Amino acid sequence: GVEEAQRSGDELELVHSWVVPTSWNSAYVEYLGDVQLMEDMRRDVLDEALEYARSLGGAPAGRLEQGGAAPILAERSRTANVVIVGSHATGGMARFLLGSVSHDLLLEAAGPVIVVSDNE
């Protein structure tokens, strides 16, 4: 993403989405504390990603969103020049398949999508 933003001259925005696990079934007050704790943890993940992108020479903005990754990224694709998303399918037949987020994003995106695999 950093290299693409540098090449194109576009702004770089890192988007980290998260959802409250559907299995949570706690009391309301406890639930709110758990959600805040989870959001704080997700913000830490985003901050680490921003720091890493900066170490590569990027100047990213960060966006933390609550919700499913594919719908959020599809919405962002309406104004982005390109959306870059990772896919972490494992070897063998899985390398021919996309993960659910990248697959759903390719179906819903309003603009170009680059899917990057972590398999080398």
N, C-alpha and C. Protein backbone atom coordinates (compact mmCIF):
# COMPACT_ATOMS: atom_id res chain seq x y z
N GLY A 1 0.80 -1.19 0.00
CA GLY A 1 0.00 0.00 0.00
C GLY A 1 0.85 1.26 0.00
N VAL A 2 1.93 1.23 0.80
CA VAL A 2 2.83 2.39 0.85
C VAL A 2 3.45 2.63 -0.51
N GLU A 3 3.93 1.56 -1.14
CA GLU A 3 4.56 1.71 -2.45
C GLU A 3 3.57 2.22 -3.49
N GLU A 4 2.35 1.73 -3.46
CA GLU A 4 1.33 2.17 -4.42
C GLU A 4 1.00 3.64 -4.22
N ALA A 5 0.87 4.07 -2.97
CA ALA A 5 0.59 5.48 -2.69
C ALA A 5 1.74 6.37 -3.14
N GLN A 6 2.96 5.92 -2.92
CA GLN A 6 4.12 6.71 -3.36
C GLN A 6 4.18 6.77 -4.88
N ARG A 7 3.90 5.65 -5.54
CA ARG A 7 3.95 5.61 -6.99
C ARG A 7 2.89 6.50 -7.62
N SER A 8 1.68 6.45 -7.06
CA SER A 8 0.56 7.18 -7.66
C SER A 8 0.43 8.61 -7.15
N GLY A 9 1.04 8.90 -5.99
CA GLY A 9 0.88 10.21 -5.39
C GLY A 9 -0.42 10.36 -4.62
N ASP A 10 -1.16 9.26 -4.46
CA ASP A 10 -2.43 9.30 -3.72
C ASP A 10 -2.19 9.26 -2.22
N GLU A 11 -3.19 9.71 -1.48
CA GLU A 11 -3.13 9.59 -0.03
C GLU A 11 -3.30 8.14 0.35
N LEU A 12 -2.71 7.76 1.48
CA LEU A 12 -2.79 6.40 1.99
C LEU A 12 -3.62 6.40 3.26
N GLU A 13 -4.67 5.60 3.27
CA GLU A 13 -5.51 5.47 4.45
C GLU A 13 -5.56 3.99 4.83
N LEU A 14 -5.18 3.70 6.07
CA LEU A 14 -5.28 2.34 6.58
C LEU A 14 -6.60 2.21 7.33
N VAL A 15 -7.38 1.24 6.94
CA VAL A 15 -8.70 1.02 7.55
C VAL A 15 -8.65 -0.30 8.30
N HIS A 16 -9.01 -0.24 9.58
CA HIS A 16 -9.09 -1.47 10.39
C HIS A 16 -10.51 -1.58 10.90
N SER A 17 -11.18 -2.65 10.50
CA SER A 17 -12.56 -2.85 10.95
C SER A 17 -12.59 -3.98 11.97
N TRP A 18 -13.61 -3.94 12.79
CA TRP A 18 -13.77 -4.98 13.81
C TRP A 18 -15.24 -5.13 14.15
N VAL A 19 -15.58 -6.30 14.62
CA VAL A 19 -16.97 -6.57 15.01
C VAL A 19 -17.00 -7.12 16.43
N VAL A 20 -18.07 -6.84 17.11
CA VAL A 20 -18.30 -7.41 18.44
C VAL A 20 -18.68 -8.87 18.22
N PRO A 21 -17.99 -9.80 18.87
CA PRO A 21 -18.33 -11.22 18.68
C PRO A 21 -19.79 -11.49 19.00
N THR A 22 -20.45 -12.22 18.13
CA THR A 22 -21.87 -12.50 18.32
C THR A 22 -22.12 -13.44 19.49
N SER A 23 -21.08 -14.12 19.94
CA SER A 23 -21.25 -15.07 21.04
C SER A 23 -21.27 -14.39 22.41
N TRP A 24 -20.97 -13.09 22.45
CA TRP A 24 -20.97 -12.40 23.74
C TRP A 24 -22.40 -12.32 24.26
N ASN A 25 -22.57 -12.72 25.49
CA ASN A 25 -23.90 -12.70 26.09
C ASN A 25 -23.76 -12.31 27.56
N SER A 26 -23.24 -11.11 27.79
CA SER A 26 -23.00 -10.68 29.16
C SER A 26 -23.99 -9.58 29.55
N ALA A 27 -23.96 -9.25 30.81
CA ALA A 27 -24.82 -8.16 31.31
C ALA A 27 -24.47 -6.87 30.60
N TYR A 28 -25.42 -5.96 30.46
CA TYR A 28 -25.26 -4.74 29.69
C TYR A 28 -24.06 -3.91 30.12
N VAL A 29 -23.90 -3.66 31.41
CA VAL A 29 -22.79 -2.83 31.90
C VAL A 29 -21.46 -3.51 31.62
N GLU A 30 -21.38 -4.81 31.88
CA GLU A 30 -20.15 -5.54 31.59
C GLU A 30 -19.87 -5.52 30.09
N TYR A 31 -20.92 -5.67 29.31
CA TYR A 31 -20.81 -5.70 27.85
C TYR A 31 -20.17 -4.41 27.34
N LEU A 32 -20.63 -3.26 27.85
CA LEU A 32 -20.08 -1.98 27.39
C LEU A 32 -18.59 -1.89 27.70
N GLY A 33 -18.18 -2.35 28.87
CA GLY A 33 -16.76 -2.34 29.21
C GLY A 33 -15.96 -3.25 28.30
N ASP A 34 -16.54 -4.41 27.97
CA ASP A 34 -15.86 -5.35 27.07
C ASP A 34 -15.71 -4.76 25.67
N VAL A 35 -16.74 -4.09 25.19
CA VAL A 35 -16.69 -3.48 23.86
C VAL A 35 -15.63 -2.39 23.84
N GLN A 36 -15.57 -1.57 24.88
CA GLN A 36 -14.56 -0.51 24.92
C GLN A 36 -13.15 -1.12 24.96
N LEU A 37 -12.98 -2.18 25.72
CA LEU A 37 -11.68 -2.86 25.78
C LEU A 37 -11.30 -3.41 24.40
N MET A 38 -12.26 -4.02 23.73
CA MET A 38 -11.98 -4.55 22.40
C MET A 38 -11.65 -3.42 21.42
N GLU A 39 -12.37 -2.32 21.49
CA GLU A 39 -12.08 -1.19 20.61
C GLU A 39 -10.68 -0.65 20.88
N ASP A 40 -10.30 -0.56 22.15
CA ASP A 40 -8.95 -0.10 22.49
C ASP A 40 -7.89 -1.04 21.92
N MET A 41 -8.15 -2.34 22.00
CA MET A 41 -7.21 -3.32 21.44
C MET A 41 -7.10 -3.15 19.93
N ARG A 42 -8.22 -2.95 19.27
CA ARG A 42 -8.21 -2.76 17.82
C ARG A 42 -7.52 -1.46 17.42
N ARG A 43 -7.69 -0.42 18.24
CA ARG A 43 -6.99 0.83 17.97
C ARG A 43 -5.48 0.63 18.08
N ASP A 44 -5.04 -0.19 19.04
CA ASP A 44 -3.61 -0.51 19.16
C ASP A 44 -3.10 -1.21 17.91
N VAL A 45 -3.88 -2.13 17.36
CA VAL A 45 -3.50 -2.81 16.12
C VAL A 45 -3.35 -1.81 14.99
N LEU A 46 -4.31 -0.89 14.87
CA LEU A 46 -4.24 0.14 13.84
C LEU A 46 -3.02 1.03 14.04
N ASP A 47 -2.76 1.43 15.27
CA ASP A 47 -1.60 2.29 15.55
C ASP A 47 -0.30 1.60 15.17
N GLU A 48 -0.20 0.29 15.42
CA GLU A 48 1.01 -0.45 15.02
C GLU A 48 1.15 -0.48 13.50
N ALA A 49 0.04 -0.66 12.81
CA ALA A 49 0.07 -0.68 11.34
C ALA A 49 0.48 0.69 10.80
N LEU A 50 -0.03 1.75 11.41
CA LEU A 50 0.35 3.11 10.99
C LEU A 50 1.84 3.35 11.21
N GLU A 51 2.33 2.91 12.35
CA GLU A 51 3.76 3.07 12.65
C GLU A 51 4.60 2.30 11.63
N TYR A 52 4.18 1.10 11.30
CA TYR A 52 4.91 0.30 10.32
C TYR A 52 4.91 0.98 8.95
N ALA A 53 3.76 1.48 8.51
CA ALA A 53 3.68 2.16 7.22
C ALA A 53 4.59 3.40 7.20
N ARG A 54 4.63 4.10 8.32
CA ARG A 54 5.52 5.27 8.40
C ARG A 54 6.99 4.85 8.33
N SER A 55 7.32 3.69 8.90
CA SER A 55 8.71 3.22 8.85
C SER A 55 9.13 2.87 7.42
N LEU A 56 8.15 2.63 6.55
CA LEU A 56 8.43 2.34 5.14
C LEU A 56 8.41 3.61 4.29
N GLY A 57 8.24 4.75 4.94
CA GLY A 57 8.25 6.01 4.21
C GLY A 57 6.89 6.55 3.84
N GLY A 58 5.84 5.90 4.33
CA GLY A 58 4.48 6.35 4.04
C GLY A 58 4.02 7.44 4.99
N ALA A 59 2.96 8.11 4.61
CA ALA A 59 2.35 9.13 5.45
C ALA A 59 0.85 8.80 5.57
N PRO A 60 0.54 7.68 6.23
CA PRO A 60 -0.84 7.21 6.24
C PRO A 60 -1.73 7.92 7.25
N ALA A 61 -3.01 7.96 6.92
CA ALA A 61 -4.05 8.30 7.88
C ALA A 61 -4.63 6.98 8.35
N GLY A 62 -5.27 6.98 9.50
CA GLY A 62 -5.85 5.76 10.02
C GLY A 62 -7.34 5.92 10.26
N ARG A 63 -8.06 4.83 10.08
CA ARG A 63 -9.51 4.86 10.27
C ARG A 63 -9.91 3.55 10.95
N LEU A 64 -10.53 3.65 12.13
CA LEU A 64 -11.04 2.50 12.86
C LEU A 64 -12.55 2.47 12.69
N GLU A 65 -13.07 1.35 12.20
CA GLU A 65 -14.50 1.23 11.91
C GLU A 65 -15.05 -0.01 12.58
N GLN A 66 -16.21 0.11 13.18
CA GLN A 66 -16.88 -1.05 13.73
C GLN A 66 -17.84 -1.60 12.69
N GLY A 67 -17.63 -2.84 12.30
CA GLY A 67 -18.46 -3.48 11.29
C GLY A 67 -17.64 -4.47 10.50
N GLY A 68 -18.29 -5.15 9.59
CA GLY A 68 -17.62 -6.13 8.75
C GLY A 68 -16.64 -5.48 7.78
N ALA A 69 -15.53 -6.14 7.56
CA ALA A 69 -14.47 -5.57 6.72
C ALA A 69 -14.93 -5.36 5.28
N ALA A 70 -15.55 -6.35 4.68
CA ALA A 70 -15.93 -6.22 3.26
C ALA A 70 -16.91 -5.07 3.01
N PRO A 71 -17.99 -4.93 3.78
CA PRO A 71 -18.89 -3.80 3.53
C PRO A 71 -18.22 -2.44 3.78
N ILE A 72 -17.40 -2.36 4.79
CA ILE A 72 -16.72 -1.09 5.09
C ILE A 72 -15.76 -0.74 3.97
N LEU A 73 -14.98 -1.71 3.52
CA LEU A 73 -14.03 -1.43 2.43
C LEU A 73 -14.76 -1.16 1.12
N ALA A 74 -15.87 -1.83 0.89
CA ALA A 74 -16.66 -1.55 -0.33
C ALA A 74 -17.17 -0.11 -0.31
N GLU A 75 -17.61 0.35 0.85
CA GLU A 75 -18.06 1.75 0.97
C GLU A 75 -16.89 2.71 0.73
N ARG A 76 -15.72 2.40 1.30
CA ARG A 76 -14.55 3.26 1.09
C ARG A 76 -14.13 3.27 -0.38
N SER A 77 -14.40 2.17 -1.10
CA SER A 77 -14.00 2.09 -2.51
C SER A 77 -14.74 3.11 -3.37
N ARG A 78 -15.82 3.66 -2.87
CA ARG A 78 -16.58 4.65 -3.64
C ARG A 78 -15.79 5.95 -3.82
N THR A 79 -14.88 6.23 -2.90
CA THR A 79 -14.09 7.47 -3.00
C THR A 79 -12.60 7.23 -3.16
N ALA A 80 -12.17 5.98 -2.98
CA ALA A 80 -10.73 5.66 -3.10
C ALA A 80 -10.38 5.39 -4.57
N ASN A 81 -9.14 5.68 -4.93
CA ASN A 81 -8.67 5.35 -6.27
C ASN A 81 -8.44 3.85 -6.42
N VAL A 82 -8.04 3.21 -5.33
CA VAL A 82 -7.82 1.76 -5.31
C VAL A 82 -7.91 1.30 -3.86
N VAL A 83 -8.40 0.08 -3.65
CA VAL A 83 -8.42 -0.54 -2.33
C VAL A 83 -7.48 -1.73 -2.40
N ILE A 84 -6.57 -1.82 -1.44
CA ILE A 84 -5.64 -2.94 -1.37
C ILE A 84 -6.00 -3.74 -0.12
N VAL A 85 -6.20 -5.02 -0.31
CA VAL A 85 -6.61 -5.89 0.79
C VAL A 85 -5.75 -7.14 0.76
N GLY A 86 -5.45 -7.65 1.93
CA GLY A 86 -4.67 -8.88 2.03
C GLY A 86 -5.55 -10.10 2.02
N SER A 87 -5.00 -11.20 1.55
CA SER A 87 -5.67 -12.49 1.61
C SER A 87 -4.67 -13.47 2.18
N HIS A 88 -5.09 -14.24 3.15
CA HIS A 88 -4.14 -15.15 3.80
C HIS A 88 -4.52 -16.61 3.63
N ALA A 89 -4.97 -16.95 2.44
CA ALA A 89 -5.26 -18.36 2.15
C ALA A 89 -3.97 -19.16 2.24
N THR A 90 -4.07 -20.38 2.66
CA THR A 90 -2.88 -21.22 2.79
C THR A 90 -2.60 -21.93 1.49
N GLY A 91 -1.53 -22.73 1.45
CA GLY A 91 -1.07 -23.37 0.22
C GLY A 91 -2.04 -24.38 -0.35
N GLY A 92 -1.59 -25.15 -1.35
CA GLY A 92 -2.42 -26.16 -1.99
C GLY A 92 -3.56 -25.53 -2.76
N MET A 93 -4.72 -26.17 -2.71
CA MET A 93 -5.89 -25.66 -3.42
C MET A 93 -6.32 -24.30 -2.93
N ALA A 94 -6.05 -23.99 -1.67
CA ALA A 94 -6.48 -22.72 -1.10
C ALA A 94 -5.87 -21.54 -1.84
N ARG A 95 -4.73 -21.73 -2.47
CA ARG A 95 -4.11 -20.60 -3.16
C ARG A 95 -4.94 -20.13 -4.35
N PHE A 96 -5.85 -21.00 -4.82
CA PHE A 96 -6.72 -20.63 -5.92
C PHE A 96 -8.02 -19.99 -5.43
N LEU A 97 -8.21 -19.98 -4.14
CA LEU A 97 -9.42 -19.43 -3.55
C LEU A 97 -9.08 -18.15 -2.80
N LEU A 98 -10.02 -17.26 -2.73
CA LEU A 98 -9.84 -16.03 -1.97
C LEU A 98 -10.49 -16.19 -0.61
N GLY A 99 -10.02 -15.41 0.35
CA GLY A 99 -10.69 -15.37 1.63
C GLY A 99 -12.04 -14.69 1.47
N SER A 100 -12.88 -14.83 2.46
CA SER A 100 -14.24 -14.30 2.34
C SER A 100 -14.26 -12.78 2.21
N VAL A 101 -13.37 -12.08 2.92
CA VAL A 101 -13.36 -10.61 2.83
C VAL A 101 -12.94 -10.17 1.44
N SER A 102 -11.83 -10.70 0.93
CA SER A 102 -11.38 -10.27 -0.39
C SER A 102 -12.39 -10.67 -1.47
N HIS A 103 -12.97 -11.85 -1.34
CA HIS A 103 -13.99 -12.28 -2.30
C HIS A 103 -15.20 -11.35 -2.29
N ASP A 104 -15.74 -11.10 -1.10
CA ASP A 104 -16.91 -10.22 -1.00
C ASP A 104 -16.59 -8.81 -1.47
N LEU A 105 -15.40 -8.33 -1.16
CA LEU A 105 -15.01 -6.99 -1.59
C LEU A 105 -14.94 -6.91 -3.11
N LEU A 106 -14.38 -7.92 -3.74
CA LEU A 106 -14.31 -7.91 -5.21
C LEU A 106 -15.71 -7.88 -5.83
N LEU A 107 -16.67 -8.49 -5.18
CA LEU A 107 -18.04 -8.49 -5.70
C LEU A 107 -18.75 -7.16 -5.47
N GLU A 108 -18.39 -6.44 -4.41
CA GLU A 108 -19.14 -5.25 -4.00
C GLU A 108 -18.44 -3.92 -4.28
N ALA A 109 -17.15 -3.93 -4.54
CA ALA A 109 -16.38 -2.69 -4.66
C ALA A 109 -16.84 -1.85 -5.84
N ALA A 110 -16.80 -0.54 -5.65
CA ALA A 110 -17.19 0.39 -6.70
C ALA A 110 -16.00 0.77 -7.59
N GLY A 111 -14.80 0.35 -7.20
CA GLY A 111 -13.61 0.70 -7.96
C GLY A 111 -12.60 -0.43 -7.91
N PRO A 112 -11.38 -0.15 -8.37
CA PRO A 112 -10.36 -1.19 -8.44
C PRO A 112 -9.96 -1.72 -7.05
N VAL A 113 -9.67 -3.03 -7.03
CA VAL A 113 -9.21 -3.70 -5.82
C VAL A 113 -7.97 -4.50 -6.16
N ILE A 114 -6.95 -4.40 -5.33
CA ILE A 114 -5.76 -5.23 -5.44
C ILE A 114 -5.77 -6.17 -4.26
N VAL A 115 -5.70 -7.49 -4.54
CA VAL A 115 -5.64 -8.48 -3.47
C VAL A 115 -4.21 -8.98 -3.39
N VAL A 116 -3.63 -8.85 -2.21
CA VAL A 116 -2.24 -9.25 -1.98
C VAL A 116 -2.24 -10.46 -1.07
N SER A 117 -1.51 -11.49 -1.48
CA SER A 117 -1.42 -12.70 -0.70
C SER A 117 -0.17 -12.65 0.18
N ASP A 118 -0.25 -13.22 1.37
CA ASP A 118 0.94 -13.28 2.21
C ASP A 118 1.76 -14.52 1.91
N ASN A 119 1.32 -15.33 0.96
CA ASN A 119 2.10 -16.50 0.53
C ASN A 119 3.12 -16.06 -0.49
N GLU A 120 4.31 -16.56 -0.35
CA GLU A 120 5.34 -16.17 -1.31
C GLU A 120 5.74 -17.31 -2.19
